[in-house]
Amino acid sequence: MPNLQRTEERRALAAFVRDRRARTRPEEVGLSGGPRRRTPGLRREEVALLAGIGLTWYTWFEQGRDIQVSTAFLERLARALRLDRAERIHLFSLAQRRPPPHEPVSADTLPPAIQRMLDGLSNPAYVKNQRWDVLGWNAAAALLFEGCIALEPGLSNIVLQLFGNPRCRRRMIDWEGDARRALAKFRLDYGRAQGDPAFEALVEQLEAASPEFRRWWPRQDVSGSGEGIKRFDHETLGELEFEHTAFLVESAPDLRLVVYTPI
């Protein structure tokens, strides 16, 4: 008996791909439109040519036939149809029931709306990218992390400051526990980056800066928790205890908003 749910998914996939093919103008992909063109958007053979895939296989895919396609097939098709991030995710979800592979890190600036949101928060908060570079912060975070995480361009990487800045180490009451937990979470982002040169350069810096990093990095500890408790012995603010929570930024999923709530 056919799987009715999968049949409906293939129909939805076929409708989505046909619609995106019809919406893609030939001029957008370097082809000539011409007054005699009958097909709105691209022809099937044009999509197959642009994506570097077989016409028969693409036709069956667009027809919703029960065939298996590779990740490389879907990536080439997404590029040929000029799919944006949301459309690419939808394509993979319909075709493979899973999100697409993670794209290389590109977030290095903070959208102005996110900075305005940070400025409106009273608790310490900052936004970091996948490599753990701090891209934006508020006044409370600047005060809490003054001299610990250097909030300025080129010096704002959390992991590098955590392992390489003695003042940061002294301020954290449970430095070893906090550093190990941070390293286990950082490893997940490192793995998702799949050999990105920016990550490899950061790891080299960390290995040169910290004997603890050199000992702990090979242990392969991982953690996905975005919450926890941190305690500080601040030179001017005294002993402080916070619960920190991390949130995804929907418009830029490589960014994390981290908020410290006093407890």
Protein backbone atom coordinates (compact mmCIF):
# COMPACT_ATOMS: atom_id res chain seq x y z
CA MET A 1 0.00 0.00 0.00
CA PRO A 2 1.53 3.37 -0.94
CA ASN A 3 2.69 5.74 1.75
CA LEU A 4 0.08 8.48 1.46
CA GLN A 5 2.11 11.00 3.45
CA ARG A 6 5.15 10.54 1.23
CA THR A 7 2.96 10.79 -1.87
CA GLU A 8 1.66 14.15 -0.68
CA GLU A 9 5.20 15.29 0.08
CA ARG A 10 6.31 14.40 -3.47
CA ARG A 11 3.34 16.30 -4.88
CA ALA A 12 4.24 19.34 -2.79
CA LEU A 13 7.86 19.05 -3.90
CA ALA A 14 6.86 18.83 -7.57
CA ALA A 15 4.59 21.85 -7.27
CA PHE A 16 7.28 23.88 -5.50
CA VAL A 17 9.99 23.13 -8.07
CA ARG A 18 7.68 23.80 -11.03
CA ASP A 19 6.63 27.09 -9.49
CA ARG A 20 10.22 28.22 -8.90
CA ARG A 21 11.20 27.21 -12.42
CA ALA A 22 8.31 29.28 -13.81
CA ARG A 23 9.34 32.27 -11.69
CA THR A 24 12.99 32.27 -12.77
CA ARG A 25 13.43 34.65 -15.69
CA PRO A 26 15.92 33.56 -18.37
CA GLU A 27 17.67 36.94 -18.16
CA GLU A 28 18.42 36.34 -14.46
CA VAL A 29 20.56 33.31 -15.30
CA GLY A 30 22.24 34.64 -18.43
CA LEU A 31 19.82 33.23 -21.01
CA SER A 32 17.91 35.06 -23.71
CA GLY A 33 14.18 35.45 -23.19
CA GLY A 34 12.93 36.31 -26.66
CA PRO A 35 9.38 37.00 -27.84
CA ARG A 36 8.85 33.45 -29.14
CA ARG A 37 9.35 31.77 -25.78
CA ARG A 38 6.15 29.93 -24.79
CA THR A 39 7.21 28.64 -21.39
CA PRO A 40 7.03 31.11 -18.48
CA GLY A 41 10.37 31.18 -16.79
CA LEU A 42 12.86 28.44 -17.65
CA ARG A 43 12.40 25.25 -19.65
CA ARG A 44 13.22 21.93 -18.01
CA GLU A 45 16.20 21.39 -20.25
CA GLU A 46 17.54 24.82 -19.29
CA VAL A 47 17.31 24.03 -15.60
CA ALA A 48 19.06 20.71 -16.15
CA LEU A 49 21.82 22.43 -18.13
CA LEU A 50 22.30 25.20 -15.57
CA ALA A 51 22.39 22.70 -12.69
CA GLY A 52 24.61 20.18 -14.50
CA ILE A 53 22.15 17.33 -13.97
CA GLY A 54 20.51 14.87 -16.36
CA LEU A 55 17.33 16.05 -18.07
CA THR A 56 15.50 12.74 -17.57
CA TRP A 57 16.39 12.60 -13.88
CA TYR A 58 15.35 16.23 -13.37
CA THR A 59 12.07 15.65 -15.23
CA TRP A 60 11.24 12.68 -13.01
CA PHE A 61 12.13 14.75 -9.95
CA GLU A 62 9.91 17.62 -11.03
CA GLN A 63 7.09 15.18 -11.76
CA GLY A 64 7.22 13.95 -8.18
CA ARG A 65 8.29 10.42 -9.01
CA ASP A 66 9.53 8.19 -6.22
CA ILE A 67 13.27 8.62 -6.81
CA GLN A 68 16.17 9.34 -4.47
CA VAL A 69 18.34 12.37 -5.14
CA SER A 70 21.65 13.34 -3.58
CA THR A 71 22.51 16.41 -1.56
CA ALA A 72 24.75 17.56 -4.44
CA PHE A 73 21.76 17.31 -6.83
CA LEU A 74 19.65 19.51 -4.58
CA GLU A 75 22.45 22.04 -4.06
CA ARG A 76 22.99 22.41 -7.81
CA LEU A 77 19.25 22.74 -8.37
CA ALA A 78 18.98 25.40 -5.64
CA ARG A 79 21.73 27.43 -7.30
CA ALA A 80 20.21 27.05 -10.78
CA LEU A 81 16.81 28.28 -9.57
CA ARG A 82 18.36 31.09 -7.48
CA LEU A 83 16.65 29.87 -4.31
CA ASP A 84 17.05 32.04 -1.22
CA ARG A 85 17.84 30.61 2.21
CA ALA A 86 14.23 29.84 3.16
CA GLU A 87 13.49 28.28 -0.23
CA ARG A 88 16.63 26.13 -0.02
CA ILE A 89 15.59 24.83 3.39
CA HIS A 90 12.10 24.08 2.07
CA LEU A 91 13.52 22.19 -0.92
CA PHE A 92 15.63 19.94 1.28
CA SER A 93 12.81 19.40 3.78
CA LEU A 94 10.46 18.21 1.05
CA ALA A 95 13.04 16.10 -0.78
CA GLN A 96 14.99 14.59 2.12
CA ARG A 97 12.96 15.38 5.26
CA ARG A 98 15.94 17.18 6.76
CA PRO A 99 17.55 20.62 6.59
CA PRO A 100 20.31 21.32 4.07
CA PRO A 101 23.98 21.17 4.98
CA HIS A 102 25.20 24.15 6.92
CA GLU A 103 26.64 26.93 4.79
CA PRO A 104 30.04 28.49 5.59
CA VAL A 105 30.13 31.23 8.20
CA SER A 106 29.47 34.63 6.67
CA ALA A 107 27.95 36.72 9.46
CA ASP A 108 30.44 39.42 10.44
CA THR A 109 28.17 42.42 10.89
CA LEU A 110 25.14 42.99 13.05
CA PRO A 111 21.80 44.10 11.57
CA PRO A 112 20.90 47.56 12.96
CA ALA A 113 17.57 46.28 14.29
CA ILE A 114 19.39 43.72 16.46
CA GLN A 115 21.68 46.40 17.89
CA ARG A 116 18.67 48.56 18.73
CA MET A 117 17.12 45.60 20.52
CA LEU A 118 20.34 45.07 22.49
CA ASP A 119 20.42 48.71 23.51
CA GLY A 120 16.89 48.37 24.88
CA LEU A 121 17.82 45.52 27.24
CA SER A 122 18.79 46.30 30.83
CA ASN A 123 20.51 42.95 31.50
CA PRO A 124 23.95 42.25 30.01
CA ALA A 125 23.52 40.91 26.48
CA TYR A 126 25.57 40.45 23.35
CA VAL A 127 25.32 38.77 19.96
CA LYS A 128 27.99 36.38 18.70
CA ASN A 129 28.44 34.62 15.36
CA GLN A 130 29.19 30.95 14.79
CA ARG A 131 32.93 31.51 15.29
CA TRP A 132 32.09 33.17 18.63
CA ASP A 133 33.13 36.66 17.57
CA VAL A 134 31.07 39.27 19.44
CA LEU A 135 29.34 41.50 16.90
CA GLY A 136 27.23 43.67 19.18
CA TRP A 137 26.59 44.30 22.88
CA ASN A 138 24.79 46.66 25.23
CA ALA A 139 26.06 48.97 27.96
CA ALA A 140 25.50 46.40 30.73
CA ALA A 141 27.61 43.82 28.86
CA ALA A 142 30.36 46.36 28.26
CA LEU A 143 30.51 46.99 32.00
CA LEU A 144 30.38 43.32 33.04
CA PHE A 145 32.99 42.16 30.53
CA GLU A 146 35.26 45.19 30.60
CA GLY A 147 38.82 43.97 30.25
CA CYS A 148 37.66 40.36 30.06
CA ILE A 149 36.13 39.99 26.63
CA ALA A 150 37.57 42.90 24.68
CA LEU A 151 34.56 44.34 22.91
CA GLU A 152 36.31 45.85 19.94
CA PRO A 153 37.03 44.70 16.36
CA GLY A 154 39.65 41.99 16.09
CA LEU A 155 39.74 41.28 19.83
CA SER A 156 36.18 40.20 20.43
CA ASN A 157 36.38 36.43 20.10
CA ILE A 158 34.95 34.87 23.23
CA VAL A 159 36.94 31.62 23.15
CA LEU A 160 40.24 33.40 22.50
CA GLN A 161 39.64 35.82 25.35
CA LEU A 162 38.46 33.02 27.64
CA PHE A 163 41.65 31.01 27.18
CA GLY A 164 44.14 33.78 26.44
CA ASN A 165 43.20 36.69 28.69
CA PRO A 166 44.48 36.40 32.32
CA ARG A 167 42.08 39.08 33.54
CA CYS A 168 39.16 37.09 32.18
CA ARG A 169 40.43 33.99 33.95
CA ARG A 170 40.79 35.76 37.31
CA ARG A 171 37.30 37.23 37.14
CA MET A 172 35.53 33.91 36.61
CA ILE A 173 35.09 32.10 39.92
CA ASP A 174 34.84 28.65 38.25
CA TRP A 175 37.10 29.35 35.30
CA GLU A 176 37.97 25.73 34.56
CA GLY A 177 34.37 24.53 34.64
CA ASP A 178 33.16 27.47 32.55
CA ALA A 179 36.00 27.09 30.06
CA ARG A 180 35.41 23.36 29.59
CA ARG A 181 31.69 23.88 29.05
CA ALA A 182 32.30 26.69 26.58
CA LEU A 183 34.81 24.57 24.68
CA ALA A 184 32.32 21.70 24.41
CA LYS A 185 29.72 24.06 22.92
CA PHE A 186 32.27 25.70 20.62
CA ARG A 187 33.20 22.29 19.20
CA LEU A 188 29.68 21.89 17.80
CA ASP A 189 30.05 25.13 15.84
CA TYR A 190 33.54 24.10 14.77
CA GLY A 191 32.17 20.82 13.43
CA ARG A 192 29.36 22.55 11.55
CA ALA A 193 31.88 24.85 9.88
CA GLN A 194 33.48 21.85 8.10
CA GLY A 195 37.04 23.07 7.82
CA ASP A 196 36.32 26.78 7.38
CA PRO A 197 39.71 28.55 7.28
CA ALA A 198 38.57 31.16 9.82
CA PHE A 199 37.92 28.41 12.36
CA GLU A 200 41.21 26.66 11.63
CA ALA A 201 43.09 29.91 12.15
CA LEU A 202 41.28 30.46 15.46
CA VAL A 203 42.16 26.97 16.71
CA GLU A 204 45.81 27.60 15.85
CA GLN A 205 45.71 30.82 17.87
CA LEU A 206 44.14 29.02 20.81
CA GLU A 207 46.71 26.23 20.74
CA ALA A 208 49.48 28.81 20.82
CA ALA A 209 47.85 30.83 23.61
CA SER A 210 46.72 28.20 26.12
CA PRO A 211 48.17 24.93 27.48
CA GLU A 212 44.70 24.07 28.82
CA PHE A 213 43.23 24.38 25.34
CA ARG A 214 45.97 22.12 23.96
CA ARG A 215 45.10 19.47 26.57
CA TRP A 216 41.31 19.68 26.34
CA TRP A 217 40.74 20.18 22.61
CA PRO A 218 41.72 16.60 21.61
CA ARG A 219 39.17 15.12 24.08
CA GLN A 220 36.26 15.71 21.69
CA ASP A 221 33.79 16.86 24.38
CA VAL A 222 30.58 18.31 22.93
CA SER A 223 27.54 20.02 24.44
CA GLY A 224 24.45 21.59 22.91
CA SER A 225 23.19 23.39 26.00
CA GLY A 226 22.60 27.11 25.56
CA GLU A 227 21.84 27.79 29.23
CA GLY A 228 23.84 27.77 32.44
CA ILE A 229 25.02 29.58 35.55
CA LYS A 230 28.11 31.78 35.69
CA ARG A 231 29.67 33.47 38.69
CA PHE A 232 32.04 36.41 38.58
CA ASP A 233 34.27 38.18 41.09
CA HIS A 234 34.26 41.60 39.46
CA GLU A 235 36.85 44.17 40.50
CA THR A 236 34.31 46.98 40.91
CA LEU A 237 30.93 45.21 41.00
CA GLY A 238 31.84 42.48 43.47
CA GLU A 239 30.58 38.89 43.33
CA LEU A 240 27.84 38.36 40.75
CA GLU A 241 25.83 35.35 39.67
CA PHE A 242 23.94 35.09 36.39
CA GLU A 243 21.87 32.62 34.47
CA HIS A 244 22.82 32.92 30.81
CA THR A 245 20.54 31.91 27.96
CA ALA A 246 21.26 31.81 24.22
CA PHE A 247 18.67 32.48 21.49
CA LEU A 248 18.80 32.03 17.72
CA VAL A 249 18.42 35.15 15.59
CA GLU A 250 15.79 34.03 13.07
CA SER A 251 16.91 36.33 10.25
CA ALA A 252 20.55 35.20 10.63
CA PRO A 253 20.77 31.67 12.09
CA ASP A 254 24.56 31.86 12.53
CA LEU A 255 24.00 34.54 15.17
CA ARG A 256 23.21 33.88 18.83
CA LEU A 257 21.78 36.38 21.28
CA VAL A 258 23.18 35.69 24.76
CA VAL A 259 21.44 37.29 27.74
CA TYR A 260 22.70 37.26 31.36
CA THR A 261 19.93 37.37 33.97
CA PRO A 262 20.92 38.13 37.61
CA ILE A 263 19.95 35.45 40.13
